[in-house]
Amino acid sequence: MANPIVAQGTLNRIRCSIIIPDYSSLNITAAYMGKNFATVTFGSNFTTQVETGTGVVNSPEPYVMTTVAVGILRTQSLSSSWLTQLQDTSVLGNVTIHSDTSAFPAINLVETSVIDYNPGAFDGMDPVVAMTLRGVFYTNNSLWNAV
């Protein structure tokens, strides 16, 4: 068989962004992030498998809780804007995360809140405020067809 020469795509180190429509002044683009940018983690199973005597019964979840870890630069005023936001409310609502490639779709979260905001050591060595957001990612939309 001949080599199919499948294009591997390209990663763009500055494409990552976190968009908060209800609080657009808090949008985080690459220029405001630490070197690790953002990490999205789906926090639970997409399907619960209930064990039976001879196998399993699948029970697809209608949503999974999802966390977004992002490092924002303490050396820029955006980190201060986030701290001010937390003093008012930590509930953000809808949040959209764009990855480092246009080949991967944006991840949309609802009911998103700030779970953790850690300014880190003030030792002149690390400019990152570690922040964690958590929200709902809807899955298994075909479940609603059975209603």
N, C-alpha and C. Protein backbone atom coordinates (compact mmCIF):
# COMPACT_ATOMS: atom_id res chain seq x y z
N MET A 1 0.85 -1.18 0.00
CA MET A 1 0.00 0.00 0.00
C MET A 1 0.89 1.24 0.00
N ALA A 2 0.53 2.21 -0.77
CA ALA A 2 1.29 3.46 -0.86
C ALA A 2 1.00 4.34 0.35
N ASN A 3 1.96 5.18 0.67
CA ASN A 3 1.78 6.14 1.76
C ASN A 3 0.63 7.08 1.41
N PRO A 4 -0.41 7.18 2.28
CA PRO A 4 -1.56 8.02 1.95
C PRO A 4 -1.27 9.52 2.09
N ILE A 5 -0.15 9.88 2.68
CA ILE A 5 0.28 11.27 2.85
C ILE A 5 -0.88 12.13 3.37
N VAL A 6 -1.33 11.81 4.54
CA VAL A 6 -2.41 12.56 5.18
C VAL A 6 -1.80 13.79 5.85
N ALA A 7 -2.30 14.95 5.51
CA ALA A 7 -1.81 16.19 6.12
C ALA A 7 -2.04 16.14 7.63
N GLN A 8 -1.01 16.49 8.39
CA GLN A 8 -1.07 16.40 9.85
C GLN A 8 -1.63 17.66 10.51
N GLY A 9 -1.77 18.72 9.78
CA GLY A 9 -2.33 19.95 10.32
C GLY A 9 -1.27 20.82 10.99
N THR A 10 -1.72 21.92 11.55
CA THR A 10 -0.83 22.88 12.18
C THR A 10 -1.41 23.35 13.49
N LEU A 11 -0.55 23.50 14.49
CA LEU A 11 -0.95 24.10 15.76
C LEU A 11 -0.54 25.56 15.76
N ASN A 12 -1.38 26.39 16.31
CA ASN A 12 -1.10 27.83 16.39
C ASN A 12 -1.00 28.20 17.86
N ARG A 13 0.19 28.48 18.33
CA ARG A 13 0.43 28.74 19.74
C ARG A 13 -0.31 29.97 20.28
N ILE A 14 -0.74 30.86 19.42
CA ILE A 14 -1.42 32.06 19.92
C ILE A 14 -2.91 32.10 19.57
N ARG A 15 -3.48 30.98 19.14
CA ARG A 15 -4.90 30.94 18.79
C ARG A 15 -5.81 30.74 19.99
N CYS A 16 -5.31 30.14 21.04
CA CYS A 16 -6.13 29.82 22.22
C CYS A 16 -6.75 31.09 22.81
N SER A 17 -8.03 30.99 23.15
CA SER A 17 -8.70 32.12 23.81
C SER A 17 -9.88 31.60 24.61
N ILE A 18 -10.25 32.40 25.61
CA ILE A 18 -11.41 32.11 26.44
C ILE A 18 -12.31 33.34 26.37
N ILE A 19 -13.52 33.13 25.87
CA ILE A 19 -14.45 34.23 25.62
C ILE A 19 -15.63 34.13 26.58
N ILE A 20 -15.91 35.24 27.25
CA ILE A 20 -17.02 35.33 28.20
C ILE A 20 -17.99 36.40 27.68
N PRO A 21 -19.03 36.00 26.95
CA PRO A 21 -19.91 36.98 26.30
C PRO A 21 -20.55 37.99 27.26
N ASP A 22 -20.94 37.56 28.46
CA ASP A 22 -21.59 38.48 29.40
C ASP A 22 -20.62 39.44 30.07
N TYR A 23 -19.33 39.14 29.99
CA TYR A 23 -18.29 39.98 30.60
C TYR A 23 -17.13 40.09 29.62
N SER A 24 -17.35 40.73 28.50
CA SER A 24 -16.36 40.75 27.42
C SER A 24 -15.04 41.40 27.84
N SER A 25 -15.05 42.24 28.86
CA SER A 25 -13.80 42.85 29.33
C SER A 25 -12.90 41.82 30.02
N LEU A 26 -13.45 40.63 30.31
CA LEU A 26 -12.67 39.56 30.93
C LEU A 26 -12.16 38.53 29.92
N ASN A 27 -12.44 38.72 28.63
CA ASN A 27 -11.97 37.78 27.62
C ASN A 27 -10.46 37.61 27.74
N ILE A 28 -10.00 36.36 27.61
CA ILE A 28 -8.58 36.07 27.76
C ILE A 28 -8.05 35.56 26.43
N THR A 29 -7.21 36.35 25.79
CA THR A 29 -6.54 35.93 24.57
C THR A 29 -5.11 35.54 24.90
N ALA A 30 -4.42 34.98 23.93
CA ALA A 30 -3.07 34.45 24.15
C ALA A 30 -2.12 35.47 24.77
N ALA A 31 -2.25 36.71 24.42
CA ALA A 31 -1.33 37.75 24.93
C ALA A 31 -1.44 37.96 26.44
N TYR A 32 -2.52 37.46 27.04
CA TYR A 32 -2.74 37.62 28.48
C TYR A 32 -2.49 36.32 29.27
N MET A 33 -2.02 35.28 28.57
CA MET A 33 -1.85 33.98 29.22
C MET A 33 -0.39 33.63 29.46
N GLY A 34 -0.19 32.77 30.46
CA GLY A 34 1.12 32.20 30.70
C GLY A 34 1.46 31.18 29.62
N LYS A 35 2.65 30.63 29.68
CA LYS A 35 3.15 29.73 28.63
C LYS A 35 2.28 28.49 28.41
N ASN A 36 1.61 27.99 29.44
CA ASN A 36 0.76 26.80 29.29
C ASN A 36 -0.62 27.11 28.73
N PHE A 37 -0.93 28.36 28.51
CA PHE A 37 -2.20 28.81 27.95
C PHE A 37 -3.38 28.23 28.73
N ALA A 38 -4.18 27.34 28.14
CA ALA A 38 -5.37 26.82 28.82
C ALA A 38 -5.47 25.31 28.63
N THR A 39 -6.04 24.66 29.64
CA THR A 39 -6.26 23.21 29.59
C THR A 39 -7.72 22.94 29.91
N VAL A 40 -8.39 22.17 29.06
CA VAL A 40 -9.78 21.79 29.27
C VAL A 40 -9.81 20.32 29.71
N THR A 41 -10.56 20.05 30.80
CA THR A 41 -10.68 18.69 31.29
C THR A 41 -12.15 18.35 31.52
N PHE A 42 -12.62 17.33 30.82
CA PHE A 42 -13.97 16.84 31.07
C PHE A 42 -13.90 16.00 32.32
N GLY A 43 -14.68 16.35 33.34
CA GLY A 43 -14.49 15.80 34.66
C GLY A 43 -15.25 14.56 35.03
N SER A 44 -16.04 14.04 34.15
CA SER A 44 -16.78 12.84 34.51
C SER A 44 -17.01 11.99 33.27
N ASN A 45 -17.62 10.85 33.46
CA ASN A 45 -17.89 9.94 32.35
C ASN A 45 -19.00 10.49 31.46
N PHE A 46 -18.85 10.25 30.17
CA PHE A 46 -19.91 10.62 29.24
C PHE A 46 -21.06 9.62 29.28
N THR A 47 -20.77 8.42 29.74
CA THR A 47 -21.78 7.39 29.92
C THR A 47 -21.50 6.65 31.22
N THR A 48 -22.54 6.48 32.03
CA THR A 48 -22.41 5.64 33.22
C THR A 48 -22.78 4.23 32.81
N GLN A 49 -21.93 3.30 33.16
CA GLN A 49 -22.22 1.90 32.87
C GLN A 49 -22.60 1.22 34.17
N VAL A 50 -23.90 0.95 34.31
CA VAL A 50 -24.43 0.31 35.51
C VAL A 50 -24.25 -1.19 35.35
N GLU A 51 -23.49 -1.76 36.26
CA GLU A 51 -23.19 -3.19 36.16
C GLU A 51 -24.41 -4.02 36.56
N THR A 52 -24.59 -5.09 35.82
CA THR A 52 -25.65 -6.05 36.11
C THR A 52 -25.00 -7.41 36.40
N GLY A 53 -25.80 -8.41 36.57
CA GLY A 53 -25.27 -9.74 36.83
C GLY A 53 -24.46 -10.31 35.68
N THR A 54 -24.77 -9.89 34.46
CA THR A 54 -24.11 -10.48 33.30
C THR A 54 -23.53 -9.46 32.33
N GLY A 55 -23.49 -8.21 32.71
CA GLY A 55 -22.96 -7.19 31.79
C GLY A 55 -23.18 -5.80 32.33
N VAL A 56 -23.56 -4.88 31.47
CA VAL A 56 -23.80 -3.50 31.89
C VAL A 56 -25.04 -2.95 31.19
N VAL A 57 -25.64 -1.96 31.82
CA VAL A 57 -26.68 -1.14 31.20
C VAL A 57 -26.07 0.24 31.02
N ASN A 58 -26.04 0.72 29.79
CA ASN A 58 -25.48 2.04 29.51
C ASN A 58 -26.50 3.11 29.82
N SER A 59 -26.04 4.15 30.50
CA SER A 59 -26.88 5.29 30.82
C SER A 59 -26.12 6.57 30.44
N PRO A 60 -26.31 7.05 29.19
CA PRO A 60 -25.58 8.23 28.74
C PRO A 60 -25.93 9.46 29.59
N GLU A 61 -24.91 10.23 29.91
CA GLU A 61 -25.10 11.44 30.71
C GLU A 61 -25.54 12.60 29.81
N PRO A 62 -26.49 13.43 30.24
CA PRO A 62 -26.91 14.56 29.43
C PRO A 62 -25.91 15.74 29.49
N TYR A 63 -24.98 15.69 30.45
CA TYR A 63 -23.95 16.72 30.54
C TYR A 63 -22.78 16.18 31.35
N VAL A 64 -21.63 16.81 31.20
CA VAL A 64 -20.48 16.53 32.05
C VAL A 64 -19.94 17.85 32.58
N MET A 65 -19.50 17.84 33.82
CA MET A 65 -18.86 19.02 34.39
C MET A 65 -17.47 19.12 33.77
N THR A 66 -17.08 20.33 33.43
CA THR A 66 -15.83 20.55 32.71
C THR A 66 -15.04 21.67 33.38
N THR A 67 -13.75 21.45 33.56
CA THR A 67 -12.90 22.50 34.14
C THR A 67 -11.97 23.06 33.08
N VAL A 68 -11.66 24.33 33.25
CA VAL A 68 -10.72 25.02 32.38
C VAL A 68 -9.67 25.64 33.30
N ALA A 69 -8.44 25.20 33.15
CA ALA A 69 -7.33 25.79 33.90
C ALA A 69 -6.62 26.75 32.97
N VAL A 70 -6.43 27.97 33.44
CA VAL A 70 -5.75 28.99 32.63
C VAL A 70 -4.85 29.81 33.53
N GLY A 71 -3.71 30.16 33.00
CA GLY A 71 -2.80 31.05 33.72
C GLY A 71 -2.86 32.42 33.08
N ILE A 72 -3.34 33.41 33.83
CA ILE A 72 -3.35 34.78 33.31
C ILE A 72 -2.21 35.55 33.96
N LEU A 73 -1.67 36.49 33.21
CA LEU A 73 -0.49 37.21 33.68
C LEU A 73 -0.84 38.25 34.74
N ARG A 74 -0.23 38.10 35.91
CA ARG A 74 -0.42 39.03 37.02
C ARG A 74 0.19 40.39 36.68
N THR A 75 1.08 40.40 35.71
CA THR A 75 1.78 41.63 35.30
C THR A 75 0.93 42.52 34.40
N GLN A 76 -0.27 42.10 34.10
CA GLN A 76 -1.18 42.88 33.26
C GLN A 76 -2.47 43.16 34.02
N SER A 77 -3.13 44.22 33.64
CA SER A 77 -4.33 44.65 34.38
C SER A 77 -5.50 43.68 34.27
N LEU A 78 -5.49 42.78 33.30
CA LEU A 78 -6.59 41.82 33.18
C LEU A 78 -6.72 40.96 34.43
N SER A 79 -5.60 40.59 35.04
CA SER A 79 -5.67 39.78 36.27
C SER A 79 -6.35 40.56 37.39
N SER A 80 -6.14 41.86 37.44
CA SER A 80 -6.81 42.71 38.42
C SER A 80 -8.31 42.81 38.12
N SER A 81 -8.66 42.86 36.85
CA SER A 81 -10.08 42.90 36.45
C SER A 81 -10.79 41.62 36.89
N TRP A 82 -10.10 40.50 36.79
CA TRP A 82 -10.69 39.24 37.24
C TRP A 82 -10.89 39.24 38.75
N LEU A 83 -9.94 39.77 39.50
CA LEU A 83 -10.09 39.83 40.95
C LEU A 83 -11.26 40.73 41.33
N THR A 84 -11.41 41.84 40.65
CA THR A 84 -12.55 42.74 40.87
C THR A 84 -13.86 42.02 40.56
N GLN A 85 -13.87 41.24 39.46
CA GLN A 85 -15.06 40.47 39.10
C GLN A 85 -15.43 39.50 40.22
N LEU A 86 -14.43 38.84 40.79
CA LEU A 86 -14.69 37.87 41.86
C LEU A 86 -15.28 38.55 43.10
N GLN A 87 -14.93 39.78 43.32
CA GLN A 87 -15.49 40.50 44.46
C GLN A 87 -16.95 40.83 44.23
N ASP A 88 -17.36 40.91 42.96
CA ASP A 88 -18.76 41.17 42.63
C ASP A 88 -19.53 39.85 42.52
N THR A 89 -19.10 38.97 41.61
CA THR A 89 -19.70 37.65 41.44
C THR A 89 -18.72 36.73 40.74
N SER A 90 -18.70 35.48 41.16
CA SER A 90 -17.84 34.49 40.51
C SER A 90 -18.60 33.69 39.45
N VAL A 91 -19.87 33.97 39.28
CA VAL A 91 -20.70 33.28 38.29
C VAL A 91 -20.59 34.02 36.96
N LEU A 92 -20.16 33.30 35.92
CA LEU A 92 -19.91 33.92 34.62
C LEU A 92 -20.95 33.61 33.56
N GLY A 93 -21.64 32.48 33.68
CA GLY A 93 -22.60 32.08 32.65
C GLY A 93 -21.93 31.32 31.53
N ASN A 94 -22.18 31.73 30.29
CA ASN A 94 -21.62 31.05 29.12
C ASN A 94 -20.15 31.41 28.93
N VAL A 95 -19.36 30.42 28.54
CA VAL A 95 -17.95 30.61 28.25
C VAL A 95 -17.61 29.74 27.03
N THR A 96 -16.81 30.29 26.12
CA THR A 96 -16.36 29.56 24.94
C THR A 96 -14.85 29.50 24.94
N ILE A 97 -14.31 28.29 24.75
CA ILE A 97 -12.87 28.10 24.72
C ILE A 97 -12.47 27.70 23.31
N HIS A 98 -11.55 28.46 22.74
CA HIS A 98 -11.01 28.16 21.42
C HIS A 98 -9.64 27.51 21.60
N SER A 99 -9.40 26.43 20.87
CA SER A 99 -8.16 25.67 21.01
C SER A 99 -7.03 26.27 20.16
N ASP A 100 -5.95 25.51 20.07
CA ASP A 100 -4.78 25.95 19.32
C ASP A 100 -4.78 25.51 17.86
N THR A 101 -5.94 25.06 17.36
CA THR A 101 -6.07 24.70 15.95
C THR A 101 -7.50 24.92 15.48
N SER A 102 -7.63 25.40 14.27
CA SER A 102 -8.98 25.60 13.71
C SER A 102 -9.64 24.28 13.35
N ALA A 103 -8.89 23.18 13.34
CA ALA A 103 -9.46 21.86 13.04
C ALA A 103 -10.27 21.31 14.21
N PHE A 104 -10.09 21.87 15.41
CA PHE A 104 -10.80 21.39 16.59
C PHE A 104 -11.86 22.43 16.95
N PRO A 105 -13.12 22.01 17.18
CA PRO A 105 -14.19 22.99 17.41
C PRO A 105 -14.07 23.69 18.77
N ALA A 106 -14.68 24.85 18.85
CA ALA A 106 -14.75 25.56 20.12
C ALA A 106 -15.57 24.74 21.11
N ILE A 107 -15.23 24.85 22.38
CA ILE A 107 -15.96 24.16 23.44
C ILE A 107 -16.81 25.20 24.16
N ASN A 108 -18.11 24.96 24.19
CA ASN A 108 -19.04 25.89 24.83
C ASN A 108 -19.49 25.34 26.16
N LEU A 109 -19.33 26.13 27.20
CA LEU A 109 -19.79 25.77 28.53
C LEU A 109 -20.90 26.70 28.96
N VAL A 110 -21.82 26.21 29.77
CA VAL A 110 -22.88 27.03 30.36
C VAL A 110 -22.77 26.93 31.88
N GLU A 111 -23.43 27.84 32.56
CA GLU A 111 -23.43 27.85 34.03
C GLU A 111 -21.99 27.80 34.57
N THR A 112 -21.11 28.54 33.94
CA THR A 112 -19.70 28.52 34.31
C THR A 112 -19.43 29.48 35.45
N SER A 113 -18.56 29.05 36.36
CA SER A 113 -18.16 29.87 37.51
C SER A 113 -16.66 29.78 37.69
N VAL A 114 -16.11 30.77 38.38
CA VAL A 114 -14.71 30.72 38.78
C VAL A 114 -14.66 29.86 40.04
N ILE A 115 -13.87 28.80 40.01
CA ILE A 115 -13.74 27.89 41.15
C ILE A 115 -12.52 28.24 41.98
N ASP A 116 -11.44 28.67 41.31
CA ASP A 116 -10.20 28.94 42.01
C ASP A 116 -9.47 30.09 41.33
N TYR A 117 -8.87 30.95 42.14
CA TYR A 117 -8.07 32.08 41.65
C TYR A 117 -6.88 32.19 42.58
N ASN A 118 -5.72 31.78 42.10
CA ASN A 118 -4.53 31.72 42.94
C ASN A 118 -3.44 32.63 42.38
N PRO A 119 -3.20 33.80 43.01
CA PRO A 119 -2.20 34.74 42.50
C PRO A 119 -0.76 34.23 42.55
N GLY A 120 -0.50 33.16 43.30
CA GLY A 120 0.84 32.59 43.35
C GLY A 120 1.80 33.38 44.23
N ALA A 121 3.07 32.99 44.15
CA ALA A 121 4.11 33.63 44.96
C ALA A 121 4.51 34.97 44.36
N PHE A 122 4.65 35.95 45.23
CA PHE A 122 5.09 37.28 44.80
C PHE A 122 6.61 37.36 44.93
N ASP A 123 7.30 36.46 44.24
CA ASP A 123 8.75 36.35 44.37
C ASP A 123 9.51 36.85 43.15
N GLY A 124 8.81 37.46 42.21
CA GLY A 124 9.45 37.97 41.02
C GLY A 124 9.90 36.90 40.04
N MET A 125 9.39 35.69 40.20
CA MET A 125 9.84 34.58 39.36
C MET A 125 8.73 33.97 38.49
N ASP A 126 7.48 34.17 38.87
CA ASP A 126 6.37 33.56 38.14
C ASP A 126 5.25 34.59 38.00
N PRO A 127 4.95 35.04 36.79
CA PRO A 127 3.95 36.09 36.60
C PRO A 127 2.51 35.59 36.48
N VAL A 128 2.28 34.29 36.71
CA VAL A 128 0.98 33.70 36.39
C VAL A 128 0.05 33.63 37.60
N VAL A 129 -1.19 34.05 37.39
CA VAL A 129 -2.29 33.79 38.32
C VAL A 129 -2.97 32.53 37.80
N ALA A 130 -2.98 31.47 38.60
CA ALA A 130 -3.61 30.22 38.18
C ALA A 130 -5.11 30.30 38.49
N MET A 131 -5.92 30.16 37.47
CA MET A 131 -7.36 30.29 37.64
C MET A 131 -8.04 29.04 37.08
N THR A 132 -9.10 28.60 37.77
CA THR A 132 -9.87 27.45 37.31
C THR A 132 -11.33 27.87 37.15
N LEU A 133 -11.87 27.60 35.98
CA LEU A 133 -13.28 27.80 35.70
C LEU A 133 -13.94 26.42 35.63
N ARG A 134 -15.21 26.36 35.94
CA ARG A 134 -15.93 25.08 35.87
C ARG A 134 -17.34 25.35 35.36
N GLY A 135 -17.76 24.55 34.38
CA GLY A 135 -19.10 24.71 33.83
C GLY A 135 -19.63 23.42 33.26
N VAL A 136 -20.81 23.51 32.66
CA VAL A 136 -21.52 22.36 32.11
C VAL A 136 -21.27 22.26 30.61
N PHE A 137 -20.89 21.07 30.17
CA PHE A 137 -20.77 20.76 28.74
C PHE A 137 -21.84 19.74 28.41
N TYR A 138 -22.76 20.11 27.52
CA TYR A 138 -23.86 19.21 27.17
C TYR A 138 -23.39 18.10 26.23
N THR A 139 -23.82 16.87 26.51
CA THR A 139 -23.45 15.71 25.72
C THR A 139 -24.70 14.88 25.39
N ASN A 140 -24.51 13.92 24.55
CA ASN A 140 -25.56 12.94 24.23
C ASN A 140 -26.89 13.60 23.88
N ASN A 141 -26.84 14.58 23.00
CA ASN A 141 -28.05 15.32 22.61
C ASN A 141 -29.15 14.42 22.05
N SER A 142 -28.76 13.26 21.53
CA SER A 142 -29.78 12.36 20.97
C SER A 142 -30.72 11.81 22.04
N LEU A 143 -30.35 11.93 23.33
CA LEU A 143 -31.26 11.51 24.39
C LEU A 143 -32.60 12.24 24.33
N TRP A 144 -32.56 13.49 23.88
CA TRP A 144 -33.78 14.30 23.86
C TRP A 144 -34.75 13.84 22.77
N ASN A 145 -34.28 13.03 21.83
CA ASN A 145 -35.16 12.49 20.79
C ASN A 145 -36.13 11.47 21.35
N ALA A 146 -35.80 10.88 22.48
CA ALA A 146 -36.64 9.82 23.09
C ALA A 146 -37.71 10.40 24.00
N VAL A 147 -37.67 11.70 24.25
CA VAL A 147 -38.61 12.31 25.19
C VAL A 147 -39.97 12.44 24.57
